N, C-alpha and C. Protein backbone atom coordinates (compact mmCIF):
# COMPACT_ATOMS: atom_id res chain seq x y z
N MET A 1 16.17 24.96 -15.36
CA MET A 1 14.75 25.26 -15.22
C MET A 1 14.25 24.46 -14.07
N HIS A 2 13.45 25.09 -13.09
CA HIS A 2 12.92 24.41 -12.00
C HIS A 2 11.47 24.02 -12.24
N VAL A 3 11.16 22.79 -12.04
CA VAL A 3 9.80 22.29 -12.30
C VAL A 3 9.14 22.13 -10.96
N ALA A 4 8.03 22.79 -10.79
CA ALA A 4 7.31 22.78 -9.49
C ALA A 4 6.77 21.35 -9.22
N GLN A 5 7.01 20.93 -8.00
CA GLN A 5 6.50 19.70 -7.56
C GLN A 5 5.04 19.82 -7.03
N PRO A 6 4.19 18.84 -7.33
CA PRO A 6 2.84 19.00 -6.78
C PRO A 6 2.85 18.96 -5.25
N SER A 7 1.92 19.71 -4.65
CA SER A 7 1.87 19.71 -3.19
C SER A 7 1.28 18.41 -2.67
N ALA A 8 1.42 18.11 -1.41
CA ALA A 8 0.80 16.91 -0.89
C ALA A 8 -0.69 16.91 -1.11
N LYS A 9 -1.29 18.16 -0.88
CA LYS A 9 -2.70 18.26 -1.09
C LYS A 9 -3.14 17.92 -2.53
N ALA A 10 -2.41 18.46 -3.49
CA ALA A 10 -2.68 18.15 -4.88
C ALA A 10 -2.63 16.67 -5.16
N ALA A 11 -1.58 15.99 -4.57
CA ALA A 11 -1.44 14.61 -4.79
C ALA A 11 -2.58 13.81 -4.17
N HIS A 12 -3.07 14.25 -2.99
CA HIS A 12 -4.24 13.66 -2.34
C HIS A 12 -5.56 13.83 -3.20
N ASP A 13 -5.60 14.95 -3.94
CA ASP A 13 -6.78 15.22 -4.75
C ASP A 13 -6.89 14.20 -5.86
N ASP A 14 -5.81 13.49 -6.26
CA ASP A 14 -5.95 12.51 -7.30
C ASP A 14 -6.44 11.16 -6.73
N LEU A 15 -6.55 11.02 -5.46
CA LEU A 15 -7.03 9.77 -4.84
C LEU A 15 -8.51 9.94 -4.43
N THR A 16 -9.19 8.86 -4.38
CA THR A 16 -10.53 8.90 -3.78
C THR A 16 -10.35 9.04 -2.30
N GLU A 17 -11.47 9.39 -1.66
CA GLU A 17 -11.47 9.55 -0.16
C GLU A 17 -11.03 8.26 0.52
N LEU A 18 -11.60 7.13 -0.02
CA LEU A 18 -11.24 5.84 0.52
C LEU A 18 -9.80 5.51 0.36
N GLU A 19 -9.27 5.74 -0.91
CA GLU A 19 -7.84 5.43 -1.19
C GLU A 19 -6.89 6.24 -0.26
N ALA A 20 -7.19 7.49 -0.07
CA ALA A 20 -6.42 8.31 0.85
C ALA A 20 -6.51 7.80 2.29
N ALA A 21 -7.68 7.39 2.68
CA ALA A 21 -7.81 6.85 4.02
C ALA A 21 -7.10 5.56 4.24
N LEU A 22 -7.16 4.71 3.20
CA LEU A 22 -6.43 3.44 3.31
C LEU A 22 -4.95 3.64 3.44
N LEU A 23 -4.36 4.51 2.71
CA LEU A 23 -2.93 4.80 2.72
C LEU A 23 -2.54 5.40 4.09
N GLU A 24 -3.39 6.32 4.62
CA GLU A 24 -3.11 6.90 5.88
C GLU A 24 -3.23 5.79 6.97
N PHE A 25 -4.14 4.99 6.82
CA PHE A 25 -4.35 3.85 7.84
C PHE A 25 -3.06 2.97 7.84
N GLU A 26 -2.63 2.65 6.65
CA GLU A 26 -1.45 1.76 6.56
C GLU A 26 -0.19 2.43 7.14
N GLU A 27 -0.11 3.79 6.96
CA GLU A 27 0.97 4.47 7.55
C GLU A 27 0.99 4.42 9.07
N LEU A 28 -0.20 4.55 9.66
CA LEU A 28 -0.36 4.49 11.06
C LEU A 28 -0.29 3.08 11.66
N HIS A 29 -0.65 2.12 10.88
CA HIS A 29 -0.67 0.73 11.38
C HIS A 29 0.05 -0.21 10.42
N PRO A 30 1.36 -0.10 10.36
CA PRO A 30 2.16 -0.90 9.35
C PRO A 30 2.23 -2.39 9.73
N ALA A 31 2.17 -2.74 10.99
CA ALA A 31 2.37 -4.18 11.40
C ALA A 31 1.02 -4.93 11.30
N HIS A 32 1.07 -6.20 10.92
CA HIS A 32 -0.08 -7.08 10.95
C HIS A 32 -0.38 -7.44 12.34
N SER A 33 -1.63 -7.31 12.73
CA SER A 33 -2.01 -7.72 14.11
C SER A 33 -3.58 -7.94 14.11
N LEU A 34 -3.99 -8.59 15.19
CA LEU A 34 -5.39 -8.73 15.40
C LEU A 34 -6.10 -7.39 15.60
N ALA A 35 -5.42 -6.45 16.27
CA ALA A 35 -6.00 -5.12 16.54
C ALA A 35 -6.15 -4.43 15.17
N LYS A 36 -5.19 -4.57 14.27
CA LYS A 36 -5.32 -3.95 13.00
C LYS A 36 -6.50 -4.57 12.18
N ALA A 37 -6.63 -5.86 12.19
CA ALA A 37 -7.76 -6.51 11.54
C ALA A 37 -9.07 -6.03 12.07
N ASP A 38 -9.12 -5.90 13.39
CA ASP A 38 -10.45 -5.38 13.98
C ASP A 38 -10.68 -3.94 13.55
N ALA A 39 -9.63 -3.16 13.54
CA ALA A 39 -9.73 -1.76 13.13
C ALA A 39 -10.19 -1.60 11.65
N LEU A 40 -9.67 -2.53 10.82
CA LEU A 40 -10.06 -2.53 9.43
C LEU A 40 -11.52 -2.81 9.28
N ARG A 41 -12.04 -3.78 10.02
CA ARG A 41 -13.42 -4.08 9.95
C ARG A 41 -14.31 -2.95 10.48
N ASP A 42 -13.86 -2.37 11.55
CA ASP A 42 -14.65 -1.24 12.17
C ASP A 42 -14.64 0.02 11.30
N ARG A 43 -13.48 0.38 10.85
CA ARG A 43 -13.33 1.67 10.13
C ARG A 43 -13.77 1.57 8.65
N PHE A 44 -13.40 0.52 8.01
CA PHE A 44 -13.70 0.40 6.47
C PHE A 44 -14.72 -0.65 6.11
N GLY A 45 -15.08 -1.47 7.12
CA GLY A 45 -16.03 -2.56 6.80
C GLY A 45 -15.45 -3.61 5.86
N MET A 46 -14.11 -3.79 6.00
CA MET A 46 -13.37 -4.72 5.06
C MET A 46 -12.69 -5.76 5.86
N SER A 47 -12.64 -6.98 5.24
CA SER A 47 -11.88 -8.03 5.82
C SER A 47 -10.36 -7.72 5.56
N PRO A 48 -9.47 -8.28 6.30
CA PRO A 48 -8.01 -8.00 5.99
C PRO A 48 -7.63 -8.49 4.56
N ALA A 49 -8.18 -9.55 4.07
CA ALA A 49 -8.00 -9.95 2.74
C ALA A 49 -8.28 -8.92 1.66
N ARG A 50 -9.53 -8.42 1.86
CA ARG A 50 -9.98 -7.34 0.93
C ARG A 50 -9.09 -6.12 1.06
N TYR A 51 -8.74 -5.74 2.22
CA TYR A 51 -7.90 -4.59 2.48
C TYR A 51 -6.54 -4.76 1.75
N TYR A 52 -5.91 -5.88 1.91
CA TYR A 52 -4.61 -6.08 1.30
C TYR A 52 -4.69 -6.21 -0.26
N GLN A 53 -5.75 -6.74 -0.77
CA GLN A 53 -6.06 -6.74 -2.22
C GLN A 53 -6.14 -5.37 -2.69
N THR A 54 -6.99 -4.51 -2.08
CA THR A 54 -7.18 -3.13 -2.43
C THR A 54 -5.90 -2.32 -2.33
N LEU A 55 -5.14 -2.51 -1.25
CA LEU A 55 -3.92 -1.84 -1.06
C LEU A 55 -2.88 -2.24 -2.12
N GLY A 56 -2.84 -3.50 -2.47
CA GLY A 56 -1.92 -3.97 -3.52
C GLY A 56 -2.18 -3.32 -4.85
N ILE A 57 -3.39 -3.11 -5.17
CA ILE A 57 -3.79 -2.42 -6.44
C ILE A 57 -3.47 -0.91 -6.31
N LEU A 58 -3.80 -0.37 -5.15
CA LEU A 58 -3.59 1.10 -4.93
C LEU A 58 -2.15 1.42 -5.06
N ILE A 59 -1.19 0.70 -4.60
CA ILE A 59 0.20 1.02 -4.57
C ILE A 59 0.77 1.03 -5.96
N GLU A 60 0.04 0.51 -6.94
CA GLU A 60 0.51 0.58 -8.33
C GLU A 60 0.22 1.93 -8.96
N SER A 61 -0.63 2.74 -8.36
CA SER A 61 -1.06 4.00 -8.99
C SER A 61 0.00 5.10 -8.72
N SER A 62 0.19 5.94 -9.79
CA SER A 62 1.07 7.07 -9.56
C SER A 62 0.51 8.07 -8.61
N ALA A 63 -0.78 8.19 -8.45
CA ALA A 63 -1.38 9.16 -7.51
C ALA A 63 -0.99 8.67 -6.06
N ALA A 64 -1.00 7.41 -5.80
CA ALA A 64 -0.65 6.94 -4.41
C ALA A 64 0.84 7.28 -4.17
N LEU A 65 1.68 7.01 -5.22
CA LEU A 65 3.12 7.27 -5.06
C LEU A 65 3.35 8.78 -4.82
N ARG A 66 2.61 9.64 -5.51
CA ARG A 66 2.78 11.04 -5.25
C ARG A 66 2.34 11.46 -3.87
N ALA A 67 1.27 10.87 -3.43
CA ALA A 67 0.68 11.30 -2.12
C ALA A 67 1.47 10.74 -0.96
N HIS A 68 2.02 9.55 -1.08
CA HIS A 68 2.73 8.88 -0.02
C HIS A 68 3.96 8.13 -0.53
N PRO A 69 4.93 8.91 -1.02
CA PRO A 69 6.08 8.25 -1.73
C PRO A 69 6.86 7.29 -0.87
N LEU A 70 7.10 7.63 0.43
CA LEU A 70 7.92 6.72 1.26
C LEU A 70 7.14 5.43 1.58
N LEU A 71 5.84 5.59 1.92
CA LEU A 71 4.97 4.44 2.21
C LEU A 71 4.83 3.51 0.98
N VAL A 72 4.54 4.11 -0.14
CA VAL A 72 4.29 3.28 -1.36
C VAL A 72 5.61 2.65 -1.82
N GLY A 73 6.68 3.32 -1.71
CA GLY A 73 8.04 2.78 -2.06
C GLY A 73 8.34 1.56 -1.10
N ARG A 74 8.06 1.70 0.17
CA ARG A 74 8.24 0.64 1.09
C ARG A 74 7.37 -0.60 0.81
N LEU A 75 6.07 -0.37 0.56
CA LEU A 75 5.12 -1.39 0.27
C LEU A 75 5.51 -2.12 -1.01
N ARG A 76 5.95 -1.39 -2.03
CA ARG A 76 6.31 -1.96 -3.28
C ARG A 76 7.61 -2.88 -3.06
N ARG A 77 8.51 -2.38 -2.39
CA ARG A 77 9.76 -3.17 -2.07
C ARG A 77 9.42 -4.42 -1.31
N THR A 78 8.55 -4.33 -0.38
CA THR A 78 8.14 -5.46 0.48
C THR A 78 7.41 -6.48 -0.40
N ARG A 79 6.53 -6.04 -1.29
CA ARG A 79 5.83 -6.92 -2.17
C ARG A 79 6.83 -7.64 -3.15
N ASP A 80 7.79 -6.79 -3.73
CA ASP A 80 8.77 -7.38 -4.63
C ASP A 80 9.61 -8.39 -3.98
N GLU A 81 10.08 -8.16 -2.72
CA GLU A 81 10.93 -9.09 -1.97
C GLU A 81 10.16 -10.38 -1.77
N ARG A 82 8.88 -10.33 -1.43
CA ARG A 82 8.09 -11.52 -1.19
C ARG A 82 7.95 -12.35 -2.49
N ARG A 83 7.74 -11.65 -3.56
CA ARG A 83 7.66 -12.31 -4.90
C ARG A 83 8.96 -13.02 -5.24
N LEU A 84 10.05 -12.41 -5.02
CA LEU A 84 11.34 -13.01 -5.23
C LEU A 84 11.62 -14.17 -4.41
N ARG A 85 11.21 -14.15 -3.09
CA ARG A 85 11.34 -15.22 -2.20
C ARG A 85 10.56 -16.39 -2.66
N ARG A 86 9.28 -16.14 -3.06
CA ARG A 86 8.42 -17.22 -3.56
C ARG A 86 8.92 -17.84 -4.81
N ARG A 87 9.46 -17.06 -5.77
CA ARG A 87 10.05 -17.60 -6.95
C ARG A 87 11.20 -18.38 -6.62
N GLY A 88 12.00 -17.86 -5.72
CA GLY A 88 13.24 -18.56 -5.25
C GLY A 88 13.00 -19.89 -4.67
N ASP A 89 11.93 -20.02 -3.84
CA ASP A 89 11.53 -21.18 -3.21
C ASP A 89 11.04 -22.23 -4.24
N GLY A 90 10.28 -21.73 -5.22
CA GLY A 90 9.68 -22.55 -6.24
C GLY A 90 10.78 -23.09 -7.20
N SER A 91 11.80 -22.33 -7.52
CA SER A 91 12.86 -22.75 -8.41
C SER A 91 13.70 -23.83 -7.79
N ARG A 92 13.91 -23.73 -6.42
CA ARG A 92 14.71 -24.74 -5.75
C ARG A 92 13.96 -26.07 -5.77
N ALA A 93 12.66 -26.08 -5.69
CA ALA A 93 11.88 -27.29 -5.63
C ALA A 93 11.91 -28.05 -6.97
N THR A 94 12.06 -27.28 -8.05
CA THR A 94 12.14 -27.90 -9.42
C THR A 94 13.50 -28.35 -9.81
N GLN A 95 14.54 -27.93 -9.15
CA GLN A 95 15.90 -28.29 -9.51
C GLN A 95 16.33 -29.60 -9.04
């Protein structure tokens, strides 16, 4: 039995306009830079800290994963790798 996959448009419908725009922005601007920080302020009126907090929450949603599976998968892996490195650094300090 074949199960129909939701279209990209249907996946985007589960996101707010801001959430969809943030994911699209991150896809276009993956690297941290001053230009990206300026663009964040201009386009969304957000500081980089607020942007990354919002993005971190957003990538936990199944709607974001459906809408941008490669991007969300990459962002989750990057986050998980950073957490492991931090834990690894902390465990060495206590040994």
